[in-house]
């Protein structure tokens, strides 16, 4: 009896403070498009200029699609946290070592993609629902 009481005493607080998983609401699913601005990068001791490129991001319930130019990649995402004005997604895209960070704003039907260095931050606007 004492052992059961001690077990409950230690387990109950742990379960009460565990964080529940955050899910992205259905109203934020959809198709977003934007333009990655032109930028410069250093490759083999040469400065290479990269022109602006269209980017499309489709967010579904359990999957994400990123299309940059003609390159289409799929992956999954996890909602890292929910702030007052946005959700922060951590997207794992196939064929990429690093994850992408995407901020889904609660107002304005827009998202922001924090590109891998040296790509600048890109804002995308929703152009179609799921």
N, C-alpha and C. Protein backbone atom coordinates (compact mmCIF):
# COMPACT_ATOMS: atom_id res chain seq x y z
N UNK A 1 0.83 -1.18 0.00
CA UNK A 1 0.00 0.00 0.00
C UNK A 1 0.88 1.26 0.00
N UNK A 2 1.92 1.24 0.83
CA UNK A 2 2.82 2.39 0.89
C UNK A 2 3.54 2.59 -0.44
N UNK A 3 3.94 1.48 -1.04
CA UNK A 3 4.63 1.55 -2.32
C UNK A 3 3.73 2.17 -3.40
N UNK A 4 2.48 1.78 -3.41
CA UNK A 4 1.52 2.34 -4.35
C UNK A 4 1.32 3.83 -4.10
N UNK A 5 1.23 4.23 -2.88
CA UNK A 5 1.06 5.64 -2.53
C UNK A 5 2.28 6.46 -2.93
N UNK A 6 3.48 5.94 -2.68
CA UNK A 6 4.71 6.63 -3.08
C UNK A 6 4.82 6.74 -4.60
N UNK A 7 4.44 5.67 -5.29
CA UNK A 7 4.48 5.70 -6.76
C UNK A 7 3.54 6.77 -7.30
N UNK A 8 2.33 6.82 -6.79
CA UNK A 8 1.37 7.84 -7.21
C UNK A 8 1.86 9.24 -6.87
N UNK A 9 2.51 9.38 -5.75
CA UNK A 9 3.02 10.67 -5.32
C UNK A 9 4.08 11.21 -6.28
N UNK A 10 4.89 10.32 -6.86
CA UNK A 10 5.94 10.75 -7.79
C UNK A 10 5.46 10.83 -9.24
N UNK A 11 4.56 9.97 -9.65
CA UNK A 11 4.12 9.91 -11.04
C UNK A 11 3.07 10.97 -11.36
N UNK A 12 2.18 11.26 -10.46
CA UNK A 12 1.11 12.22 -10.70
C UNK A 12 1.62 13.61 -11.06
N UNK A 13 2.58 14.17 -10.36
CA UNK A 13 3.07 15.49 -10.76
C UNK A 13 3.75 15.49 -12.14
N UNK A 14 4.43 14.41 -12.48
CA UNK A 14 5.07 14.34 -13.79
C UNK A 14 4.04 14.36 -14.91
N UNK A 15 2.96 13.64 -14.75
CA UNK A 15 1.94 13.61 -15.80
C UNK A 15 1.16 14.91 -15.86
N UNK A 16 1.02 15.59 -14.74
CA UNK A 16 0.28 16.85 -14.72
C UNK A 16 1.05 17.97 -15.42
N UNK A 17 2.38 17.93 -15.39
CA UNK A 17 3.17 19.00 -15.99
C UNK A 17 3.69 18.66 -17.39
N UNK A 18 3.34 17.51 -17.90
CA UNK A 18 3.81 17.17 -19.24
C UNK A 18 3.10 18.07 -20.26
N UNK A 19 3.84 18.44 -21.30
CA UNK A 19 3.31 19.36 -22.29
C UNK A 19 2.57 18.58 -23.37
N UNK A 20 1.38 19.04 -23.73
CA UNK A 20 0.65 18.36 -24.78
C UNK A 20 1.14 18.84 -26.14
N UNK A 21 1.00 17.99 -27.14
CA UNK A 21 1.48 18.28 -28.47
C UNK A 21 0.63 19.39 -29.10
N UNK A 22 1.30 20.34 -29.74
CA UNK A 22 0.61 21.45 -30.40
C UNK A 22 0.35 21.06 -31.84
N UNK A 23 -0.87 21.26 -32.31
CA UNK A 23 -1.22 20.96 -33.68
C UNK A 23 -1.58 22.23 -34.42
N UNK A 24 -1.24 22.27 -35.69
CA UNK A 24 -1.58 23.40 -36.54
C UNK A 24 -3.04 23.25 -36.95
N UNK A 25 -3.81 24.32 -36.81
CA UNK A 25 -5.24 24.25 -37.14
C UNK A 25 -5.46 24.21 -38.64
N UNK A 26 -6.57 23.65 -39.03
CA UNK A 26 -6.90 23.43 -40.44
C UNK A 26 -6.94 24.73 -41.24
N UNK A 27 -7.29 25.83 -40.61
CA UNK A 27 -7.41 27.09 -41.35
C UNK A 27 -6.05 27.61 -41.85
N UNK A 28 -4.95 27.08 -41.33
CA UNK A 28 -3.62 27.51 -41.77
C UNK A 28 -3.06 26.61 -42.89
N UNK A 29 -3.75 25.50 -43.19
CA UNK A 29 -3.33 24.65 -44.30
C UNK A 29 -3.60 25.40 -45.60
N UNK A 30 -2.79 25.14 -46.62
CA UNK A 30 -3.03 25.77 -47.91
C UNK A 30 -1.76 25.92 -48.71
N UNK A 31 -1.88 26.66 -49.80
CA UNK A 31 -0.78 26.88 -50.74
C UNK A 31 -0.31 28.32 -50.61
N UNK A 32 1.00 28.47 -50.44
CA UNK A 32 1.60 29.79 -50.27
C UNK A 32 2.65 29.99 -51.37
N UNK A 33 2.79 31.24 -51.83
CA UNK A 33 3.84 31.53 -52.81
C UNK A 33 4.51 32.85 -52.49
N UNK A 34 5.77 32.95 -52.91
CA UNK A 34 6.54 34.16 -52.69
C UNK A 34 7.79 34.15 -53.55
N UNK A 35 8.66 35.11 -53.33
CA UNK A 35 9.89 35.24 -54.10
C UNK A 35 11.07 35.31 -53.14
N UNK A 36 12.05 34.41 -53.36
CA UNK A 36 13.31 34.49 -52.61
C UNK A 36 14.11 35.61 -53.27
N UNK A 37 14.43 36.69 -52.54
CA UNK A 37 15.19 37.80 -53.15
C UNK A 37 16.58 37.36 -53.60
N UNK A 38 17.13 38.12 -54.54
CA UNK A 38 18.49 37.84 -55.03
C UNK A 38 19.47 38.00 -53.87
N UNK A 39 20.53 37.21 -53.89
CA UNK A 39 21.56 37.28 -52.86
C UNK A 39 22.90 36.85 -53.45
N UNK A 40 23.97 37.09 -52.71
CA UNK A 40 25.31 36.72 -53.14
C UNK A 40 25.86 35.68 -52.17
N UNK A 41 26.66 34.77 -52.72
CA UNK A 41 27.28 33.76 -51.86
C UNK A 41 28.71 33.52 -52.33
N UNK A 42 29.54 33.05 -51.41
CA UNK A 42 30.93 32.77 -51.69
C UNK A 42 31.08 31.29 -52.01
N UNK A 43 31.54 30.98 -53.24
CA UNK A 43 31.73 29.59 -53.66
C UNK A 43 33.11 29.48 -54.29
N UNK A 44 33.98 28.69 -53.68
CA UNK A 44 35.34 28.49 -54.18
C UNK A 44 36.09 29.81 -54.35
N UNK A 45 36.02 30.65 -53.34
CA UNK A 45 36.68 31.96 -53.31
C UNK A 45 36.20 32.89 -54.42
N UNK A 46 35.02 32.67 -54.93
CA UNK A 46 34.40 33.57 -55.90
C UNK A 46 33.04 33.99 -55.36
N UNK A 47 32.67 35.22 -55.63
CA UNK A 47 31.36 35.70 -55.23
C UNK A 47 30.40 35.39 -56.38
N UNK A 48 29.38 34.60 -56.07
CA UNK A 48 28.39 34.20 -57.06
C UNK A 48 27.07 34.89 -56.73
N UNK A 49 26.47 35.50 -57.74
CA UNK A 49 25.17 36.14 -57.54
C UNK A 49 24.07 35.16 -57.92
N UNK A 50 23.11 35.00 -57.03
CA UNK A 50 21.97 34.14 -57.27
C UNK A 50 20.76 35.04 -57.46
N UNK A 51 20.08 34.89 -58.59
CA UNK A 51 18.92 35.72 -58.89
C UNK A 51 17.71 35.34 -58.06
N UNK A 52 16.71 36.20 -58.08
CA UNK A 52 15.51 35.90 -57.32
C UNK A 52 14.79 34.70 -57.93
N UNK A 53 14.12 33.94 -57.07
CA UNK A 53 13.49 32.70 -57.48
C UNK A 53 12.13 32.59 -56.81
N UNK A 54 11.17 32.04 -57.54
CA UNK A 54 9.85 31.79 -56.97
C UNK A 54 9.93 30.59 -56.02
N UNK A 55 9.15 30.67 -54.96
CA UNK A 55 9.07 29.56 -54.00
C UNK A 55 7.60 29.32 -53.69
N UNK A 56 7.25 28.05 -53.63
CA UNK A 56 5.89 27.63 -53.29
C UNK A 56 5.98 26.67 -52.11
N UNK A 57 5.13 26.86 -51.13
CA UNK A 57 5.07 25.96 -49.98
C UNK A 57 3.61 25.56 -49.78
N UNK A 58 3.36 24.26 -49.77
CA UNK A 58 2.03 23.73 -49.49
C UNK A 58 2.06 23.05 -48.13
N UNK A 59 1.17 23.46 -47.25
CA UNK A 59 1.10 22.88 -45.91
C UNK A 59 -0.17 22.04 -45.81
N UNK A 60 0.01 20.77 -45.48
CA UNK A 60 -1.10 19.85 -45.29
C UNK A 60 -1.12 19.41 -43.83
N UNK A 61 -2.03 18.50 -43.49
CA UNK A 61 -2.17 18.08 -42.10
C UNK A 61 -0.89 17.46 -41.55
N UNK A 62 -0.27 16.56 -42.29
CA UNK A 62 0.92 15.87 -41.77
C UNK A 62 2.11 16.00 -42.70
N UNK A 63 2.01 16.80 -43.74
CA UNK A 63 3.06 16.86 -44.75
C UNK A 63 3.25 18.29 -45.23
N UNK A 64 4.43 18.56 -45.78
CA UNK A 64 4.73 19.86 -46.35
C UNK A 64 5.46 19.66 -47.68
N UNK A 65 5.17 20.52 -48.64
CA UNK A 65 5.82 20.46 -49.94
C UNK A 65 6.49 21.81 -50.18
N UNK A 66 7.77 21.78 -50.57
CA UNK A 66 8.52 23.00 -50.85
C UNK A 66 9.00 22.91 -52.30
N UNK A 67 8.64 23.92 -53.10
CA UNK A 67 9.06 23.96 -54.50
C UNK A 67 9.83 25.26 -54.71
N UNK A 68 11.13 25.12 -55.03
CA UNK A 68 11.98 26.27 -55.32
C UNK A 68 12.42 26.11 -56.77
N UNK A 69 11.97 27.02 -57.63
CA UNK A 69 12.24 26.87 -59.05
C UNK A 69 11.55 25.63 -59.57
N UNK A 70 12.31 24.70 -60.15
CA UNK A 70 11.75 23.43 -60.64
C UNK A 70 12.00 22.28 -59.68
N UNK A 71 12.62 22.54 -58.54
CA UNK A 71 12.97 21.52 -57.56
C UNK A 71 11.83 21.36 -56.55
N UNK A 72 11.19 20.19 -56.54
CA UNK A 72 10.07 19.91 -55.62
C UNK A 72 10.53 18.89 -54.59
N UNK A 73 10.31 19.19 -53.31
CA UNK A 73 10.68 18.27 -52.23
C UNK A 73 9.54 18.20 -51.22
N UNK A 74 9.38 17.02 -50.66
CA UNK A 74 8.34 16.78 -49.66
C UNK A 74 8.98 16.49 -48.32
N UNK A 75 8.21 16.66 -47.26
CA UNK A 75 8.70 16.37 -45.93
C UNK A 75 7.60 16.42 -44.91
N UNK A 76 8.01 16.38 -43.67
CA UNK A 76 7.07 16.47 -42.55
C UNK A 76 7.43 17.67 -41.70
N UNK A 77 6.53 18.04 -40.82
CA UNK A 77 6.81 19.17 -39.94
C UNK A 77 6.28 18.89 -38.54
N UNK A 78 6.82 19.66 -37.62
CA UNK A 78 6.41 19.59 -36.23
C UNK A 78 6.24 21.02 -35.74
N UNK A 79 5.17 21.28 -35.01
CA UNK A 79 4.96 22.61 -34.45
C UNK A 79 5.82 22.71 -33.20
N UNK A 80 6.84 23.59 -33.26
CA UNK A 80 7.75 23.73 -32.12
C UNK A 80 7.09 24.47 -30.97
N UNK A 81 6.46 25.60 -31.28
CA UNK A 81 5.71 26.30 -30.26
C UNK A 81 4.70 27.25 -30.88
N UNK A 82 3.79 27.69 -30.04
CA UNK A 82 2.72 28.59 -30.45
C UNK A 82 2.92 29.89 -29.69
N UNK A 83 3.16 30.97 -30.43
CA UNK A 83 3.33 32.28 -29.82
C UNK A 83 2.01 33.05 -29.97
N UNK A 84 2.00 34.30 -29.51
CA UNK A 84 0.79 35.10 -29.61
C UNK A 84 0.39 35.40 -31.05
N UNK A 85 1.39 35.60 -31.93
CA UNK A 85 1.09 36.03 -33.29
C UNK A 85 1.43 34.99 -34.36
N UNK A 86 2.09 33.90 -34.00
CA UNK A 86 2.48 32.92 -35.02
C UNK A 86 2.73 31.55 -34.41
N UNK A 87 2.78 30.55 -35.30
CA UNK A 87 3.23 29.20 -34.96
C UNK A 87 4.61 29.04 -35.59
N UNK A 88 5.52 28.34 -34.95
CA UNK A 88 6.82 28.07 -35.51
C UNK A 88 6.90 26.59 -35.86
N UNK A 89 7.11 26.31 -37.17
CA UNK A 89 7.21 24.94 -37.64
C UNK A 89 8.67 24.58 -37.87
N UNK A 90 9.02 23.36 -37.55
CA UNK A 90 10.34 22.81 -37.84
C UNK A 90 10.11 21.73 -38.89
N UNK A 91 10.46 22.03 -40.15
CA UNK A 91 10.18 21.14 -41.28
C UNK A 91 11.41 20.31 -41.63
N UNK A 92 11.23 19.01 -41.70
CA UNK A 92 12.28 18.09 -42.13
C UNK A 92 11.97 17.71 -43.57
N UNK A 93 12.81 18.19 -44.50
CA UNK A 93 12.59 17.99 -45.93
C UNK A 93 13.52 16.88 -46.42
N UNK A 94 12.99 16.00 -47.28
CA UNK A 94 13.79 14.89 -47.81
C UNK A 94 15.01 15.42 -48.56
N UNK A 95 16.12 14.79 -48.35
CA UNK A 95 17.34 15.16 -49.05
C UNK A 95 18.07 16.36 -48.47
N UNK A 96 17.62 16.91 -47.36
CA UNK A 96 18.30 18.03 -46.71
C UNK A 96 18.77 17.61 -45.34
N UNK A 97 19.99 18.01 -45.02
CA UNK A 97 20.52 17.70 -43.69
C UNK A 97 19.93 18.60 -42.62
N UNK A 98 19.78 19.88 -42.96
CA UNK A 98 19.26 20.85 -41.99
C UNK A 98 17.74 20.96 -42.13
N UNK A 99 17.09 21.28 -41.03
CA UNK A 99 15.65 21.50 -41.07
C UNK A 99 15.36 22.96 -41.43
N UNK A 100 14.16 23.22 -41.88
CA UNK A 100 13.76 24.58 -42.23
C UNK A 100 12.81 25.09 -41.16
N UNK A 101 12.90 26.37 -40.89
CA UNK A 101 12.01 27.01 -39.92
C UNK A 101 11.00 27.84 -40.69
N UNK A 102 9.73 27.63 -40.39
CA UNK A 102 8.65 28.35 -41.06
C UNK A 102 7.74 28.93 -40.00
N UNK A 103 7.51 30.23 -40.10
CA UNK A 103 6.60 30.91 -39.19
C UNK A 103 5.26 31.08 -39.89
N UNK A 104 4.20 30.52 -39.31
CA UNK A 104 2.85 30.65 -39.85
C UNK A 104 2.14 31.69 -39.00
N UNK A 105 1.90 32.85 -39.62
CA UNK A 105 1.27 33.94 -38.88
C UNK A 105 -0.22 33.67 -38.69
N UNK A 106 -0.75 34.03 -37.54
CA UNK A 106 -2.15 33.80 -37.23
C UNK A 106 -3.06 34.77 -37.99
N UNK A 107 -2.54 35.91 -38.37
CA UNK A 107 -3.33 36.90 -39.12
C UNK A 107 -2.64 37.20 -40.44
N UNK A 108 -3.42 37.55 -41.43
CA UNK A 108 -2.86 38.03 -42.68
C UNK A 108 -2.62 36.98 -43.75
N UNK A 109 -2.89 35.71 -43.47
CA UNK A 109 -2.73 34.65 -44.46
C UNK A 109 -1.35 34.66 -45.10
N UNK A 110 -0.33 34.67 -44.25
CA UNK A 110 1.04 34.68 -44.76
C UNK A 110 1.94 33.83 -43.87
N UNK A 111 3.08 33.44 -44.43
CA UNK A 111 4.09 32.69 -43.70
C UNK A 111 5.44 33.30 -44.03
N UNK A 112 6.44 32.97 -43.23
CA UNK A 112 7.82 33.41 -43.49
C UNK A 112 8.72 32.19 -43.38
N UNK A 113 9.61 32.05 -44.36
CA UNK A 113 10.56 30.93 -44.39
C UNK A 113 11.94 31.48 -44.09
N UNK A 114 12.57 30.93 -43.07
CA UNK A 114 13.93 31.31 -42.72
C UNK A 114 14.85 30.37 -43.48
N UNK A 115 15.37 30.84 -44.62
CA UNK A 115 16.18 30.00 -45.49
C UNK A 115 17.53 29.67 -44.89
N UNK A 116 18.12 28.62 -45.44
CA UNK A 116 19.46 28.23 -45.00
C UNK A 116 20.45 29.28 -45.49
N UNK A 117 21.47 29.58 -44.70
CA UNK A 117 22.45 30.60 -45.03
C UNK A 117 23.04 30.30 -46.40
N UNK A 118 23.18 31.22 -47.27
CA UNK A 118 22.99 32.67 -47.21
C UNK A 118 21.64 33.15 -47.72
N UNK A 119 20.66 32.26 -47.86
CA UNK A 119 19.35 32.70 -48.35
C UNK A 119 18.69 33.63 -47.35
N UNK A 120 18.09 34.71 -47.84
CA UNK A 120 17.40 35.63 -46.93
C UNK A 120 16.04 35.08 -46.51
N UNK A 121 15.45 35.69 -45.50
CA UNK A 121 14.11 35.34 -45.05
C UNK A 121 13.13 35.72 -46.16
N UNK A 122 12.18 34.84 -46.43
CA UNK A 122 11.22 35.05 -47.51
C UNK A 122 9.82 35.04 -46.95
N UNK A 123 9.02 36.03 -47.34
CA UNK A 123 7.61 36.05 -46.96
C UNK A 123 6.77 35.51 -48.09
N UNK A 124 5.82 34.65 -47.76
CA UNK A 124 4.94 34.05 -48.74
C UNK A 124 3.49 34.35 -48.36
N UNK A 125 2.65 34.55 -49.36
CA UNK A 125 1.23 34.81 -49.13
C UNK A 125 0.40 33.65 -49.64
N UNK A 126 -0.70 33.37 -48.97
CA UNK A 126 -1.55 32.27 -49.39
C UNK A 126 -2.30 32.67 -50.65
N UNK A 127 -2.31 31.75 -51.63
CA UNK A 127 -3.03 32.00 -52.86
C UNK A 127 -4.13 30.99 -53.11
N UNK A 128 -4.16 29.93 -52.32
CA UNK A 128 -5.24 28.94 -52.46
C UNK A 128 -5.36 28.17 -51.16
N UNK A 129 -6.59 27.80 -50.84
CA UNK A 129 -6.82 26.93 -49.69
C UNK A 129 -6.44 25.52 -50.04
N UNK A 130 -6.44 24.65 -49.07
CA UNK A 130 -6.10 23.23 -49.26
C UNK A 130 -6.95 22.67 -50.36
